[in-house]
Each structure stands twice: as C-alpha cells, then as structure tokens.
Amino acid sequence: PTTAVQAIDQIEDLLRRLARHDLDA
C-alpha cells in the first residue's frame, strides 16, 4: 500500500494542475 500512497501523491498533483485549467476547451 505504500507504493499506492506514493502514486496518489503524483495523482493529486496532476489533478490540482488540471483544476486550474478550462477542461471544456
């Protein structure tokens, strides 16, 4: 599960960056 936690670290960062953009472009 520690590897899964490390993967979530990267996933959260990508989602935060996506949230700043217009996804309906």
PDBML (XML) file of the C-alpha atoms, coordinates in Angstrom:
<?xml version="1.0" encoding="UTF-8" ?>
<PDBx:datablock datablockName="MODEL"
   xmlns:PDBx="http://pdbml.pdb.org/schema/pdbx-v50.xsd"
   xmlns:xsi="http://www.w3.org/2001/XMLSchema-instance"
   xsi:schemaLocation="http://pdbml.pdb.org/schema/pdbx-v50.xsd pdbx-v50.xsd">
   <PDBx:atom_siteCategory>
      <PDBx:atom_site id="1">
         <PDBx:B_iso_or_equiv>0.00</PDBx:B_iso_or_equiv>
         <PDBx:Cartn_x>0.000</PDBx:Cartn_x>
         <PDBx:Cartn_y>0.000</PDBx:Cartn_y>
         <PDBx:Cartn_z>0.000</PDBx:Cartn_z>
         <PDBx:auth_asym_id>A</PDBx:auth_asym_id>
         <PDBx:auth_atom_id>CA</PDBx:auth_atom_id>
         <PDBx:auth_comp_id>PRO</PDBx:auth_comp_id>
         <PDBx:auth_seq_id>1</PDBx:auth_seq_id>
         <PDBx:group_PDB>ATOM</PDBx:group_PDB>
         <PDBx:label_alt_id xsi:nil="true" />
         <PDBx:label_asym_id>A</PDBx:label_asym_id>
         <PDBx:label_atom_id>CA</PDBx:label_atom_id>
         <PDBx:label_comp_id>PRO</PDBx:label_comp_id>
         <PDBx:label_entity_id>1</PDBx:label_entity_id>
         <PDBx:label_seq_id>1</PDBx:label_seq_id>
         <PDBx:occupancy>1.00</PDBx:occupancy>
         <PDBx:pdbx_PDB_model_num>1</PDBx:pdbx_PDB_model_num>
         <PDBx:type_symbol>C</PDBx:type_symbol>
      </PDBx:atom_site>
      <PDBx:atom_site id="2">
         <PDBx:B_iso_or_equiv>0.00</PDBx:B_iso_or_equiv>
         <PDBx:Cartn_x>2.918</PDBx:Cartn_x>
         <PDBx:Cartn_y>2.406</PDBx:Cartn_y>
         <PDBx:Cartn_z>0.468</PDBx:Cartn_z>
         <PDBx:auth_asym_id>A</PDBx:auth_asym_id>
         <PDBx:auth_atom_id>CA</PDBx:auth_atom_id>
         <PDBx:auth_comp_id>THR</PDBx:auth_comp_id>
         <PDBx:auth_seq_id>2</PDBx:auth_seq_id>
         <PDBx:group_PDB>ATOM</PDBx:group_PDB>
         <PDBx:label_alt_id xsi:nil="true" />
         <PDBx:label_asym_id>A</PDBx:label_asym_id>
         <PDBx:label_atom_id>CA</PDBx:label_atom_id>
         <PDBx:label_comp_id>THR</PDBx:label_comp_id>
         <PDBx:label_entity_id>1</PDBx:label_entity_id>
         <PDBx:label_seq_id>2</PDBx:label_seq_id>
         <PDBx:occupancy>1.00</PDBx:occupancy>
         <PDBx:pdbx_PDB_model_num>1</PDBx:pdbx_PDB_model_num>
         <PDBx:type_symbol>C</PDBx:type_symbol>
      </PDBx:atom_site>
      <PDBx:atom_site id="3">
         <PDBx:B_iso_or_equiv>0.00</PDBx:B_iso_or_equiv>
         <PDBx:Cartn_x>3.513</PDBx:Cartn_x>
         <PDBx:Cartn_y>2.355</PDBx:Cartn_y>
         <PDBx:Cartn_z>-3.293</PDBx:Cartn_z>
         <PDBx:auth_asym_id>A</PDBx:auth_asym_id>
         <PDBx:auth_atom_id>CA</PDBx:auth_atom_id>
         <PDBx:auth_comp_id>THR</PDBx:auth_comp_id>
         <PDBx:auth_seq_id>3</PDBx:auth_seq_id>
         <PDBx:group_PDB>ATOM</PDBx:group_PDB>
         <PDBx:label_alt_id xsi:nil="true" />
         <PDBx:label_asym_id>A</PDBx:label_asym_id>
         <PDBx:label_atom_id>CA</PDBx:label_atom_id>
         <PDBx:label_comp_id>THR</PDBx:label_comp_id>
         <PDBx:label_entity_id>1</PDBx:label_entity_id>
         <PDBx:label_seq_id>3</PDBx:label_seq_id>
         <PDBx:occupancy>1.00</PDBx:occupancy>
         <PDBx:pdbx_PDB_model_num>1</PDBx:pdbx_PDB_model_num>
         <PDBx:type_symbol>C</PDBx:type_symbol>
      </PDBx:atom_site>
      <PDBx:atom_site id="4">
         <PDBx:B_iso_or_equiv>0.00</PDBx:B_iso_or_equiv>
         <PDBx:Cartn_x>-0.167</PDBx:Cartn_x>
         <PDBx:Cartn_y>3.168</PDBx:Cartn_y>
         <PDBx:Cartn_z>-3.804</PDBx:Cartn_z>
         <PDBx:auth_asym_id>A</PDBx:auth_asym_id>
         <PDBx:auth_atom_id>CA</PDBx:auth_atom_id>
         <PDBx:auth_comp_id>ALA</PDBx:auth_comp_id>
         <PDBx:auth_seq_id>4</PDBx:auth_seq_id>
         <PDBx:group_PDB>ATOM</PDBx:group_PDB>
         <PDBx:label_alt_id xsi:nil="true" />
         <PDBx:label_asym_id>A</PDBx:label_asym_id>
         <PDBx:label_atom_id>CA</PDBx:label_atom_id>
         <PDBx:label_comp_id>ALA</PDBx:label_comp_id>
         <PDBx:label_entity_id>1</PDBx:label_entity_id>
         <PDBx:label_seq_id>4</PDBx:label_seq_id>
         <PDBx:occupancy>1.00</PDBx:occupancy>
         <PDBx:pdbx_PDB_model_num>1</PDBx:pdbx_PDB_model_num>
         <PDBx:type_symbol>C</PDBx:type_symbol>
      </PDBx:atom_site>
      <PDBx:atom_site id="5">
         <PDBx:B_iso_or_equiv>0.00</PDBx:B_iso_or_equiv>
         <PDBx:Cartn_x>0.201</PDBx:Cartn_x>
         <PDBx:Cartn_y>6.126</PDBx:Cartn_y>
         <PDBx:Cartn_z>-1.416</PDBx:Cartn_z>
         <PDBx:auth_asym_id>A</PDBx:auth_asym_id>
         <PDBx:auth_atom_id>CA</PDBx:auth_atom_id>
         <PDBx:auth_comp_id>VAL</PDBx:auth_comp_id>
         <PDBx:auth_seq_id>5</PDBx:auth_seq_id>
         <PDBx:group_PDB>ATOM</PDBx:group_PDB>
         <PDBx:label_alt_id xsi:nil="true" />
         <PDBx:label_asym_id>A</PDBx:label_asym_id>
         <PDBx:label_atom_id>CA</PDBx:label_atom_id>
         <PDBx:label_comp_id>VAL</PDBx:label_comp_id>
         <PDBx:label_entity_id>1</PDBx:label_entity_id>
         <PDBx:label_seq_id>5</PDBx:label_seq_id>
         <PDBx:occupancy>1.00</PDBx:occupancy>
         <PDBx:pdbx_PDB_model_num>1</PDBx:pdbx_PDB_model_num>
         <PDBx:type_symbol>C</PDBx:type_symbol>
      </PDBx:atom_site>
      <PDBx:atom_site id="6">
         <PDBx:B_iso_or_equiv>0.00</PDBx:B_iso_or_equiv>
         <PDBx:Cartn_x>3.200</PDBx:Cartn_x>
         <PDBx:Cartn_y>7.383</PDBx:Cartn_y>
         <PDBx:Cartn_z>-3.387</PDBx:Cartn_z>
         <PDBx:auth_asym_id>A</PDBx:auth_asym_id>
         <PDBx:auth_atom_id>CA</PDBx:auth_atom_id>
         <PDBx:auth_comp_id>GLN</PDBx:auth_comp_id>
         <PDBx:auth_seq_id>6</PDBx:auth_seq_id>
         <PDBx:group_PDB>ATOM</PDBx:group_PDB>
         <PDBx:label_alt_id xsi:nil="true" />
         <PDBx:label_asym_id>A</PDBx:label_asym_id>
         <PDBx:label_atom_id>CA</PDBx:label_atom_id>
         <PDBx:label_comp_id>GLN</PDBx:label_comp_id>
         <PDBx:label_entity_id>1</PDBx:label_entity_id>
         <PDBx:label_seq_id>6</PDBx:label_seq_id>
         <PDBx:occupancy>1.00</PDBx:occupancy>
         <PDBx:pdbx_PDB_model_num>1</PDBx:pdbx_PDB_model_num>
         <PDBx:type_symbol>C</PDBx:type_symbol>
      </PDBx:atom_site>
      <PDBx:atom_site id="7">
         <PDBx:B_iso_or_equiv>0.00</PDBx:B_iso_or_equiv>
         <PDBx:Cartn_x>1.193</PDBx:Cartn_x>
         <PDBx:Cartn_y>7.088</PDBx:Cartn_y>
         <PDBx:Cartn_z>-6.606</PDBx:Cartn_z>
         <PDBx:auth_asym_id>A</PDBx:auth_asym_id>
         <PDBx:auth_atom_id>CA</PDBx:auth_atom_id>
         <PDBx:auth_comp_id>ALA</PDBx:auth_comp_id>
         <PDBx:auth_seq_id>7</PDBx:auth_seq_id>
         <PDBx:group_PDB>ATOM</PDBx:group_PDB>
         <PDBx:label_alt_id xsi:nil="true" />
         <PDBx:label_asym_id>A</PDBx:label_asym_id>
         <PDBx:label_atom_id>CA</PDBx:label_atom_id>
         <PDBx:label_comp_id>ALA</PDBx:label_comp_id>
         <PDBx:label_entity_id>1</PDBx:label_entity_id>
         <PDBx:label_seq_id>7</PDBx:label_seq_id>
         <PDBx:occupancy>1.00</PDBx:occupancy>
         <PDBx:pdbx_PDB_model_num>1</PDBx:pdbx_PDB_model_num>
         <PDBx:type_symbol>C</PDBx:type_symbol>
      </PDBx:atom_site>
      <PDBx:atom_site id="8">
         <PDBx:B_iso_or_equiv>0.00</PDBx:B_iso_or_equiv>
         <PDBx:Cartn_x>-1.630</PDBx:Cartn_x>
         <PDBx:Cartn_y>9.125</PDBx:Cartn_y>
         <PDBx:Cartn_z>-5.052</PDBx:Cartn_z>
         <PDBx:auth_asym_id>A</PDBx:auth_asym_id>
         <PDBx:auth_atom_id>CA</PDBx:auth_atom_id>
         <PDBx:auth_comp_id>ILE</PDBx:auth_comp_id>
         <PDBx:auth_seq_id>8</PDBx:auth_seq_id>
         <PDBx:group_PDB>ATOM</PDBx:group_PDB>
         <PDBx:label_alt_id xsi:nil="true" />
         <PDBx:label_asym_id>A</PDBx:label_asym_id>
         <PDBx:label_atom_id>CA</PDBx:label_atom_id>
         <PDBx:label_comp_id>ILE</PDBx:label_comp_id>
         <PDBx:label_entity_id>1</PDBx:label_entity_id>
         <PDBx:label_seq_id>8</PDBx:label_seq_id>
         <PDBx:occupancy>1.00</PDBx:occupancy>
         <PDBx:pdbx_PDB_model_num>1</PDBx:pdbx_PDB_model_num>
         <PDBx:type_symbol>C</PDBx:type_symbol>
      </PDBx:atom_site>
      <PDBx:atom_site id="9">
         <PDBx:B_iso_or_equiv>0.00</PDBx:B_iso_or_equiv>
         <PDBx:Cartn_x>0.921</PDBx:Cartn_x>
         <PDBx:Cartn_y>11.871</PDBx:Cartn_y>
         <PDBx:Cartn_z>-4.293</PDBx:Cartn_z>
         <PDBx:auth_asym_id>A</PDBx:auth_asym_id>
         <PDBx:auth_atom_id>CA</PDBx:auth_atom_id>
         <PDBx:auth_comp_id>ASP</PDBx:auth_comp_id>
         <PDBx:auth_seq_id>9</PDBx:auth_seq_id>
         <PDBx:group_PDB>ATOM</PDBx:group_PDB>
         <PDBx:label_alt_id xsi:nil="true" />
         <PDBx:label_asym_id>A</PDBx:label_asym_id>
         <PDBx:label_atom_id>CA</PDBx:label_atom_id>
         <PDBx:label_comp_id>ASP</PDBx:label_comp_id>
         <PDBx:label_entity_id>1</PDBx:label_entity_id>
         <PDBx:label_seq_id>9</PDBx:label_seq_id>
         <PDBx:occupancy>1.00</PDBx:occupancy>
         <PDBx:pdbx_PDB_model_num>1</PDBx:pdbx_PDB_model_num>
         <PDBx:type_symbol>C</PDBx:type_symbol>
      </PDBx:atom_site>
      <PDBx:atom_site id="10">
         <PDBx:B_iso_or_equiv>0.00</PDBx:B_iso_or_equiv>
         <PDBx:Cartn_x>1.565</PDBx:Cartn_x>
         <PDBx:Cartn_y>12.279</PDBx:Cartn_y>
         <PDBx:Cartn_z>-8.025</PDBx:Cartn_z>
         <PDBx:auth_asym_id>A</PDBx:auth_asym_id>
         <PDBx:auth_atom_id>CA</PDBx:auth_atom_id>
         <PDBx:auth_comp_id>GLN</PDBx:auth_comp_id>
         <PDBx:auth_seq_id>10</PDBx:auth_seq_id>
         <PDBx:group_PDB>ATOM</PDBx:group_PDB>
         <PDBx:label_alt_id xsi:nil="true" />
         <PDBx:label_asym_id>A</PDBx:label_asym_id>
         <PDBx:label_atom_id>CA</PDBx:label_atom_id>
         <PDBx:label_comp_id>GLN</PDBx:label_comp_id>
         <PDBx:label_entity_id>1</PDBx:label_entity_id>
         <PDBx:label_seq_id>10</PDBx:label_seq_id>
         <PDBx:occupancy>1.00</PDBx:occupancy>
         <PDBx:pdbx_PDB_model_num>1</PDBx:pdbx_PDB_model_num>
         <PDBx:type_symbol>C</PDBx:type_symbol>
      </PDBx:atom_site>
      <PDBx:atom_site id="11">
         <PDBx:B_iso_or_equiv>0.00</PDBx:B_iso_or_equiv>
         <PDBx:Cartn_x>-2.104</PDBx:Cartn_x>
         <PDBx:Cartn_y>11.872</PDBx:Cartn_y>
         <PDBx:Cartn_z>-8.945</PDBx:Cartn_z>
         <PDBx:auth_asym_id>A</PDBx:auth_asym_id>
         <PDBx:auth_atom_id>CA</PDBx:auth_atom_id>
         <PDBx:auth_comp_id>ILE</PDBx:auth_comp_id>
         <PDBx:auth_seq_id>11</PDBx:auth_seq_id>
         <PDBx:group_PDB>ATOM</PDBx:group_PDB>
         <PDBx:label_alt_id xsi:nil="true" />
         <PDBx:label_asym_id>A</PDBx:label_asym_id>
         <PDBx:label_atom_id>CA</PDBx:label_atom_id>
         <PDBx:label_comp_id>ILE</PDBx:label_comp_id>
         <PDBx:label_entity_id>1</PDBx:label_entity_id>
         <PDBx:label_seq_id>11</PDBx:label_seq_id>
         <PDBx:occupancy>1.00</PDBx:occupancy>
         <PDBx:pdbx_PDB_model_num>1</PDBx:pdbx_PDB_model_num>
         <PDBx:type_symbol>C</PDBx:type_symbol>
      </PDBx:atom_site>
      <PDBx:atom_site id="12">
         <PDBx:B_iso_or_equiv>0.00</PDBx:B_iso_or_equiv>
         <PDBx:Cartn_x>-3.176</PDBx:Cartn_x>
         <PDBx:Cartn_y>14.612</PDBx:Cartn_y>
         <PDBx:Cartn_z>-6.546</PDBx:Cartn_z>
         <PDBx:auth_asym_id>A</PDBx:auth_asym_id>
         <PDBx:auth_atom_id>CA</PDBx:auth_atom_id>
         <PDBx:auth_comp_id>GLU</PDBx:auth_comp_id>
         <PDBx:auth_seq_id>12</PDBx:auth_seq_id>
         <PDBx:group_PDB>ATOM</PDBx:group_PDB>
         <PDBx:label_alt_id xsi:nil="true" />
         <PDBx:label_asym_id>A</PDBx:label_asym_id>
         <PDBx:label_atom_id>CA</PDBx:label_atom_id>
         <PDBx:label_comp_id>GLU</PDBx:label_comp_id>
         <PDBx:label_entity_id>1</PDBx:label_entity_id>
         <PDBx:label_seq_id>12</PDBx:label_seq_id>
         <PDBx:occupancy>1.00</PDBx:occupancy>
         <PDBx:pdbx_PDB_model_num>1</PDBx:pdbx_PDB_model_num>
         <PDBx:type_symbol>C</PDBx:type_symbol>
      </PDBx:atom_site>
      <PDBx:atom_site id="13">
         <PDBx:B_iso_or_equiv>0.00</PDBx:B_iso_or_equiv>
         <PDBx:Cartn_x>-0.597</PDBx:Cartn_x>
         <PDBx:Cartn_y>16.981</PDBx:Cartn_y>
         <PDBx:Cartn_z>-8.002</PDBx:Cartn_z>
         <PDBx:auth_asym_id>A</PDBx:auth_asym_id>
         <PDBx:auth_atom_id>CA</PDBx:auth_atom_id>
         <PDBx:auth_comp_id>ASP</PDBx:auth_comp_id>
         <PDBx:auth_seq_id>13</PDBx:auth_seq_id>
         <PDBx:group_PDB>ATOM</PDBx:group_PDB>
         <PDBx:label_alt_id xsi:nil="true" />
         <PDBx:label_asym_id>A</PDBx:label_asym_id>
         <PDBx:label_atom_id>CA</PDBx:label_atom_id>
         <PDBx:label_comp_id>ASP</PDBx:label_comp_id>
         <PDBx:label_entity_id>1</PDBx:label_entity_id>
         <PDBx:label_seq_id>13</PDBx:label_seq_id>
         <PDBx:occupancy>1.00</PDBx:occupancy>
         <PDBx:pdbx_PDB_model_num>1</PDBx:pdbx_PDB_model_num>
         <PDBx:type_symbol>C</PDBx:type_symbol>
      </PDBx:atom_site>
      <PDBx:atom_site id="14">
         <PDBx:B_iso_or_equiv>0.00</PDBx:B_iso_or_equiv>
         <PDBx:Cartn_x>-1.834</PDBx:Cartn_x>
         <PDBx:Cartn_y>16.323</PDBx:Cartn_y>
         <PDBx:Cartn_z>-11.547</PDBx:Cartn_z>
         <PDBx:auth_asym_id>A</PDBx:auth_asym_id>
         <PDBx:auth_atom_id>CA</PDBx:auth_atom_id>
         <PDBx:auth_comp_id>LEU</PDBx:auth_comp_id>
         <PDBx:auth_seq_id>14</PDBx:auth_seq_id>
         <PDBx:group_PDB>ATOM</PDBx:group_PDB>
         <PDBx:label_alt_id xsi:nil="true" />
         <PDBx:label_asym_id>A</PDBx:label_asym_id>
         <PDBx:label_atom_id>CA</PDBx:label_atom_id>
         <PDBx:label_comp_id>LEU</PDBx:label_comp_id>
         <PDBx:label_entity_id>1</PDBx:label_entity_id>
         <PDBx:label_seq_id>14</PDBx:label_seq_id>
         <PDBx:occupancy>1.00</PDBx:occupancy>
         <PDBx:pdbx_PDB_model_num>1</PDBx:pdbx_PDB_model_num>
         <PDBx:type_symbol>C</PDBx:type_symbol>
      </PDBx:atom_site>
      <PDBx:atom_site id="15">
         <PDBx:B_iso_or_equiv>0.00</PDBx:B_iso_or_equiv>
         <PDBx:Cartn_x>-5.467</PDBx:Cartn_x>
         <PDBx:Cartn_y>16.889</PDBx:Cartn_y>
         <PDBx:Cartn_z>-10.503</PDBx:Cartn_z>
         <PDBx:auth_asym_id>A</PDBx:auth_asym_id>
         <PDBx:auth_atom_id>CA</PDBx:auth_atom_id>
         <PDBx:auth_comp_id>LEU</PDBx:auth_comp_id>
         <PDBx:auth_seq_id>15</PDBx:auth_seq_id>
         <PDBx:group_PDB>ATOM</PDBx:group_PDB>
         <PDBx:label_alt_id xsi:nil="true" />
         <PDBx:label_asym_id>A</PDBx:label_asym_id>
         <PDBx:label_atom_id>CA</PDBx:label_atom_id>
         <PDBx:label_comp_id>LEU</PDBx:label_comp_id>
         <PDBx:label_entity_id>1</PDBx:label_entity_id>
         <PDBx:label_seq_id>15</PDBx:label_seq_id>
         <PDBx:occupancy>1.00</PDBx:occupancy>
         <PDBx:pdbx_PDB_model_num>1</PDBx:pdbx_PDB_model_num>
         <PDBx:type_symbol>C</PDBx:type_symbol>
      </PDBx:atom_site>
      <PDBx:atom_site id="16">
         <PDBx:B_iso_or_equiv>0.00</PDBx:B_iso_or_equiv>
         <PDBx:Cartn_x>-4.601</PDBx:Cartn_x>
         <PDBx:Cartn_y>20.184</PDBx:Cartn_y>
         <PDBx:Cartn_z>-8.831</PDBx:Cartn_z>
         <PDBx:auth_asym_id>A</PDBx:auth_asym_id>
         <PDBx:auth_atom_id>CA</PDBx:auth_atom_id>
         <PDBx:auth_comp_id>ARG</PDBx:auth_comp_id>
         <PDBx:auth_seq_id>16</PDBx:auth_seq_id>
         <PDBx:group_PDB>ATOM</PDBx:group_PDB>
         <PDBx:label_alt_id xsi:nil="true" />
         <PDBx:label_asym_id>A</PDBx:label_asym_id>
         <PDBx:label_atom_id>CA</PDBx:label_atom_id>
         <PDBx:label_comp_id>ARG</PDBx:label_comp_id>
         <PDBx:label_entity_id>1</PDBx:label_entity_id>
         <PDBx:label_seq_id>16</PDBx:label_seq_id>
         <PDBx:occupancy>1.00</PDBx:occupancy>
         <PDBx:pdbx_PDB_model_num>1</PDBx:pdbx_PDB_model_num>
         <PDBx:type_symbol>C</PDBx:type_symbol>
      </PDBx:atom_site>
      <PDBx:atom_site id="17">
         <PDBx:B_iso_or_equiv>0.00</PDBx:B_iso_or_equiv>
         <PDBx:Cartn_x>-2.951</PDBx:Cartn_x>
         <PDBx:Cartn_y>21.350</PDBx:Cartn_y>
         <PDBx:Cartn_z>-12.048</PDBx:Cartn_z>
         <PDBx:auth_asym_id>A</PDBx:auth_asym_id>
         <PDBx:auth_atom_id>CA</PDBx:auth_atom_id>
         <PDBx:auth_comp_id>ARG</PDBx:auth_comp_id>
         <PDBx:auth_seq_id>17</PDBx:auth_seq_id>
         <PDBx:group_PDB>ATOM</PDBx:group_PDB>
         <PDBx:label_alt_id xsi:nil="true" />
         <PDBx:label_asym_id>A</PDBx:label_asym_id>
         <PDBx:label_atom_id>CA</PDBx:label_atom_id>
         <PDBx:label_comp_id>ARG</PDBx:label_comp_id>
         <PDBx:label_entity_id>1</PDBx:label_entity_id>
         <PDBx:label_seq_id>17</PDBx:label_seq_id>
         <PDBx:occupancy>1.00</PDBx:occupancy>
         <PDBx:pdbx_PDB_model_num>1</PDBx:pdbx_PDB_model_num>
         <PDBx:type_symbol>C</PDBx:type_symbol>
      </PDBx:atom_site>
      <PDBx:atom_site id="18">
         <PDBx:B_iso_or_equiv>0.00</PDBx:B_iso_or_equiv>
         <PDBx:Cartn_x>-5.897</PDBx:Cartn_x>
         <PDBx:Cartn_y>20.194</PDBx:Cartn_y>
         <PDBx:Cartn_z>-14.163</PDBx:Cartn_z>
         <PDBx:auth_asym_id>A</PDBx:auth_asym_id>
         <PDBx:auth_atom_id>CA</PDBx:auth_atom_id>
         <PDBx:auth_comp_id>LEU</PDBx:auth_comp_id>
         <PDBx:auth_seq_id>18</PDBx:auth_seq_id>
         <PDBx:group_PDB>ATOM</PDBx:group_PDB>
         <PDBx:label_alt_id xsi:nil="true" />
         <PDBx:label_asym_id>A</PDBx:label_asym_id>
         <PDBx:label_atom_id>CA</PDBx:label_atom_id>
         <PDBx:label_comp_id>LEU</PDBx:label_comp_id>
         <PDBx:label_entity_id>1</PDBx:label_entity_id>
         <PDBx:label_seq_id>18</PDBx:label_seq_id>
         <PDBx:occupancy>1.00</PDBx:occupancy>
         <PDBx:pdbx_PDB_model_num>1</PDBx:pdbx_PDB_model_num>
         <PDBx:type_symbol>C</PDBx:type_symbol>
      </PDBx:atom_site>
      <PDBx:atom_site id="19">
         <PDBx:B_iso_or_equiv>0.00</PDBx:B_iso_or_equiv>
         <PDBx:Cartn_x>-8.296</PDBx:Cartn_x>
         <PDBx:Cartn_y>22.043</PDBx:Cartn_y>
         <PDBx:Cartn_z>-11.863</PDBx:Cartn_z>
         <PDBx:auth_asym_id>A</PDBx:auth_asym_id>
         <PDBx:auth_atom_id>CA</PDBx:auth_atom_id>
         <PDBx:auth_comp_id>ALA</PDBx:auth_comp_id>
         <PDBx:auth_seq_id>19</PDBx:auth_seq_id>
         <PDBx:group_PDB>ATOM</PDBx:group_PDB>
         <PDBx:label_alt_id xsi:nil="true" />
         <PDBx:label_asym_id>A</PDBx:label_asym_id>
         <PDBx:label_atom_id>CA</PDBx:label_atom_id>
         <PDBx:label_comp_id>ALA</PDBx:label_comp_id>
         <PDBx:label_entity_id>1</PDBx:label_entity_id>
         <PDBx:label_seq_id>19</PDBx:label_seq_id>
         <PDBx:occupancy>1.00</PDBx:occupancy>
         <PDBx:pdbx_PDB_model_num>1</PDBx:pdbx_PDB_model_num>
         <PDBx:type_symbol>C</PDBx:type_symbol>
      </PDBx:atom_site>
      <PDBx:atom_site id="20">
         <PDBx:B_iso_or_equiv>0.00</PDBx:B_iso_or_equiv>
         <PDBx:Cartn_x>-6.631</PDBx:Cartn_x>
         <PDBx:Cartn_y>25.348</PDBx:Cartn_y>
         <PDBx:Cartn_z>-12.795</PDBx:Cartn_z>
         <PDBx:auth_asym_id>A</PDBx:auth_asym_id>
         <PDBx:auth_atom_id>CA</PDBx:auth_atom_id>
         <PDBx:auth_comp_id>ARG</PDBx:auth_comp_id>
         <PDBx:auth_seq_id>20</PDBx:auth_seq_id>
         <PDBx:group_PDB>ATOM</PDBx:group_PDB>
         <PDBx:label_alt_id xsi:nil="true" />
         <PDBx:label_asym_id>A</PDBx:label_asym_id>
         <PDBx:label_atom_id>CA</PDBx:label_atom_id>
         <PDBx:label_comp_id>ARG</PDBx:label_comp_id>
         <PDBx:label_entity_id>1</PDBx:label_entity_id>
         <PDBx:label_seq_id>20</PDBx:label_seq_id>
         <PDBx:occupancy>1.00</PDBx:occupancy>
         <PDBx:pdbx_PDB_model_num>1</PDBx:pdbx_PDB_model_num>
         <PDBx:type_symbol>C</PDBx:type_symbol>
      </PDBx:atom_site>
      <PDBx:atom_site id="21">
         <PDBx:B_iso_or_equiv>0.00</PDBx:B_iso_or_equiv>
         <PDBx:Cartn_x>-7.430</PDBx:Cartn_x>
         <PDBx:Cartn_y>24.929</PDBx:Cartn_y>
         <PDBx:Cartn_z>-16.490</PDBx:Cartn_z>
         <PDBx:auth_asym_id>A</PDBx:auth_asym_id>
         <PDBx:auth_atom_id>CA</PDBx:auth_atom_id>
         <PDBx:auth_comp_id>HIS</PDBx:auth_comp_id>
         <PDBx:auth_seq_id>21</PDBx:auth_seq_id>
         <PDBx:group_PDB>ATOM</PDBx:group_PDB>
         <PDBx:label_alt_id xsi:nil="true" />
         <PDBx:label_asym_id>A</PDBx:label_asym_id>
         <PDBx:label_atom_id>CA</PDBx:label_atom_id>
         <PDBx:label_comp_id>HIS</PDBx:label_comp_id>
         <PDBx:label_entity_id>1</PDBx:label_entity_id>
         <PDBx:label_seq_id>21</PDBx:label_seq_id>
         <PDBx:occupancy>1.00</PDBx:occupancy>
         <PDBx:pdbx_PDB_model_num>1</PDBx:pdbx_PDB_model_num>
         <PDBx:type_symbol>C</PDBx:type_symbol>
      </PDBx:atom_site>
      <PDBx:atom_site id="22">
         <PDBx:B_iso_or_equiv>0.00</PDBx:B_iso_or_equiv>
         <PDBx:Cartn_x>-10.540</PDBx:Cartn_x>
         <PDBx:Cartn_y>25.132</PDBx:Cartn_y>
         <PDBx:Cartn_z>-18.635</PDBx:Cartn_z>
         <PDBx:auth_asym_id>A</PDBx:auth_asym_id>
         <PDBx:auth_atom_id>CA</PDBx:auth_atom_id>
         <PDBx:auth_comp_id>ASP</PDBx:auth_comp_id>
         <PDBx:auth_seq_id>22</PDBx:auth_seq_id>
         <PDBx:group_PDB>ATOM</PDBx:group_PDB>
         <PDBx:label_alt_id xsi:nil="true" />
         <PDBx:label_asym_id>A</PDBx:label_asym_id>
         <PDBx:label_atom_id>CA</PDBx:label_atom_id>
         <PDBx:label_comp_id>ASP</PDBx:label_comp_id>
         <PDBx:label_entity_id>1</PDBx:label_entity_id>
         <PDBx:label_seq_id>22</PDBx:label_seq_id>
         <PDBx:occupancy>1.00</PDBx:occupancy>
         <PDBx:pdbx_PDB_model_num>1</PDBx:pdbx_PDB_model_num>
         <PDBx:type_symbol>C</PDBx:type_symbol>
      </PDBx:atom_site>
      <PDBx:atom_site id="23">
         <PDBx:B_iso_or_equiv>0.00</PDBx:B_iso_or_equiv>
         <PDBx:Cartn_x>-11.247</PDBx:Cartn_x>
         <PDBx:Cartn_y>21.458</PDBx:Cartn_y>
         <PDBx:Cartn_z>-19.203</PDBx:Cartn_z>
         <PDBx:auth_asym_id>A</PDBx:auth_asym_id>
         <PDBx:auth_atom_id>CA</PDBx:auth_atom_id>
         <PDBx:auth_comp_id>LEU</PDBx:auth_comp_id>
         <PDBx:auth_seq_id>23</PDBx:auth_seq_id>
         <PDBx:group_PDB>ATOM</PDBx:group_PDB>
         <PDBx:label_alt_id xsi:nil="true" />
         <PDBx:label_asym_id>A</PDBx:label_asym_id>
         <PDBx:label_atom_id>CA</PDBx:label_atom_id>
         <PDBx:label_comp_id>LEU</PDBx:label_comp_id>
         <PDBx:label_entity_id>1</PDBx:label_entity_id>
         <PDBx:label_seq_id>23</PDBx:label_seq_id>
         <PDBx:occupancy>1.00</PDBx:occupancy>
         <PDBx:pdbx_PDB_model_num>1</PDBx:pdbx_PDB_model_num>
         <PDBx:type_symbol>C</PDBx:type_symbol>
      </PDBx:atom_site>
      <PDBx:atom_site id="24">
         <PDBx:B_iso_or_equiv>0.00</PDBx:B_iso_or_equiv>
         <PDBx:Cartn_x>-14.083</PDBx:Cartn_x>
         <PDBx:Cartn_y>22.239</PDBx:Cartn_y>
         <PDBx:Cartn_z>-21.595</PDBx:Cartn_z>
         <PDBx:auth_asym_id>A</PDBx:auth_asym_id>
         <PDBx:auth_atom_id>CA</PDBx:auth_atom_id>
         <PDBx:auth_comp_id>ASP</PDBx:auth_comp_id>
         <PDBx:auth_seq_id>24</PDBx:auth_seq_id>
         <PDBx:group_PDB>ATOM</PDBx:group_PDB>
         <PDBx:label_alt_id xsi:nil="true" />
         <PDBx:label_asym_id>A</PDBx:label_asym_id>
         <PDBx:label_atom_id>CA</PDBx:label_atom_id>
         <PDBx:label_comp_id>ASP</PDBx:label_comp_id>
         <PDBx:label_entity_id>1</PDBx:label_entity_id>
         <PDBx:label_seq_id>24</PDBx:label_seq_id>
         <PDBx:occupancy>1.00</PDBx:occupancy>
         <PDBx:pdbx_PDB_model_num>1</PDBx:pdbx_PDB_model_num>
         <PDBx:type_symbol>C</PDBx:type_symbol>
      </PDBx:atom_site>
      <PDBx:atom_site id="25">
         <PDBx:B_iso_or_equiv>0.00</PDBx:B_iso_or_equiv>
         <PDBx:Cartn_x>-11.667</PDBx:Cartn_x>
         <PDBx:Cartn_y>23.714</PDBx:Cartn_y>
         <PDBx:Cartn_z>-24.142</PDBx:Cartn_z>
         <PDBx:auth_asym_id>A</PDBx:auth_asym_id>
         <PDBx:auth_atom_id>CA</PDBx:auth_atom_id>
         <PDBx:auth_comp_id>ALA</PDBx:auth_comp_id>
         <PDBx:auth_seq_id>25</PDBx:auth_seq_id>
         <PDBx:group_PDB>ATOM</PDBx:group_PDB>
         <PDBx:label_alt_id xsi:nil="true" />
         <PDBx:label_asym_id>A</PDBx:label_asym_id>
         <PDBx:label_atom_id>CA</PDBx:label_atom_id>
         <PDBx:label_comp_id>ALA</PDBx:label_comp_id>
         <PDBx:label_entity_id>1</PDBx:label_entity_id>
         <PDBx:label_seq_id>25</PDBx:label_seq_id>
         <PDBx:occupancy>1.00</PDBx:occupancy>
         <PDBx:pdbx_PDB_model_num>1</PDBx:pdbx_PDB_model_num>
         <PDBx:type_symbol>C</PDBx:type_symbol>
      </PDBx:atom_site>
   </PDBx:atom_siteCategory>
</PDBx:datablock>
